């Protein structure tokens, strides 16, 4: 039962909430300022995720001395 609750929680967070936000933006149910804030958050999060992921991978390569001769 615990796994079922966890799975439903993950589905709500990953599918239902983003879909509700996107449908709210598409149908003009959300205020324009909230739409702009959601868009800015998405762009900033994507940039931080990409840059942070690359830095983490470079750090792990340096730490394990992957490219040292």
Protein backbone atom coordinates (compact mmCIF):
# COMPACT_ATOMS: atom_id res chain seq x y z
CA UNK A 1 0.00 0.00 0.00
CA UNK A 2 2.89 2.32 0.75
CA UNK A 3 4.28 1.88 -2.77
CA UNK A 4 0.89 2.67 -4.27
CA UNK A 5 0.69 5.94 -2.36
CA UNK A 6 4.23 6.86 -3.44
CA UNK A 7 3.43 6.04 -7.08
CA UNK A 8 0.26 8.12 -7.00
CA UNK A 9 2.18 11.01 -5.42
CA UNK A 10 4.82 10.86 -8.15
CA UNK A 11 2.14 10.79 -10.84
CA UNK A 12 0.39 13.80 -9.33
CA UNK A 13 3.63 15.80 -9.10
CA UNK A 14 4.97 14.83 -12.54
CA UNK A 15 1.77 14.67 -14.62
CA UNK A 16 -1.31 16.22 -13.03
CA UNK A 17 0.13 19.47 -11.68
CA UNK A 18 2.14 20.40 -14.82
CA UNK A 19 -0.83 19.49 -17.02
CA UNK A 20 -3.14 21.65 -14.92
CA UNK A 21 -0.70 24.57 -15.16
CA UNK A 22 -0.33 24.18 -18.92
CA UNK A 23 -4.08 23.93 -19.43
CA UNK A 24 -4.56 26.98 -17.21
CA UNK A 25 -2.12 28.95 -19.35
CA UNK A 26 -3.66 27.67 -22.60
CA UNK A 27 -7.22 28.48 -21.55
CA UNK A 28 -6.27 31.88 -20.05
CA UNK A 29 -7.51 30.85 -16.62
CA UNK A 30 -4.35 32.02 -14.87
CA UNK A 31 -3.45 35.71 -14.51
CA UNK A 32 -0.88 36.94 -16.99
CA UNK A 33 1.64 37.79 -14.26
CA UNK A 34 1.47 34.20 -13.00
CA UNK A 35 1.92 32.91 -16.54
CA UNK A 36 5.04 35.06 -16.95
CA UNK A 37 6.38 33.92 -13.58
CA UNK A 38 5.85 30.25 -14.49
CA UNK A 39 7.62 30.76 -17.81
CA UNK A 40 10.55 32.55 -16.20
CA UNK A 41 10.84 29.84 -13.55
CA UNK A 42 10.88 27.18 -16.27
CA UNK A 43 13.64 28.90 -18.22
CA UNK A 44 15.74 29.57 -15.11
CA UNK A 45 15.27 26.01 -13.84
CA UNK A 46 16.26 24.56 -17.22
CA UNK A 47 19.41 26.71 -17.38
CA UNK A 48 20.41 25.84 -13.81
CA UNK A 49 19.74 22.14 -14.45
CA UNK A 50 21.85 22.10 -17.63
CA UNK A 51 24.74 24.16 -16.25
CA UNK A 52 24.69 22.42 -12.86
CA UNK A 53 24.59 18.99 -14.48
CA UNK A 54 27.53 19.81 -16.71
CA UNK A 55 29.53 21.17 -13.79
CA UNK A 56 28.77 18.07 -11.74
CA UNK A 57 29.88 15.78 -14.57
CA UNK A 58 33.06 17.79 -15.12
CA UNK A 59 33.80 17.71 -11.39
CA UNK A 60 33.33 13.94 -11.26
CA UNK A 61 35.67 13.53 -14.26
CA UNK A 62 38.30 15.69 -12.56
CA UNK A 63 37.84 13.91 -9.24
CA UNK A 64 38.28 10.44 -10.78
CA UNK A 65 41.18 11.71 -12.96
CA UNK A 66 39.46 10.35 -16.05
CA UNK A 67 41.48 12.38 -18.54
CA UNK A 68 44.85 12.44 -16.80
CA UNK A 69 47.78 10.85 -18.55
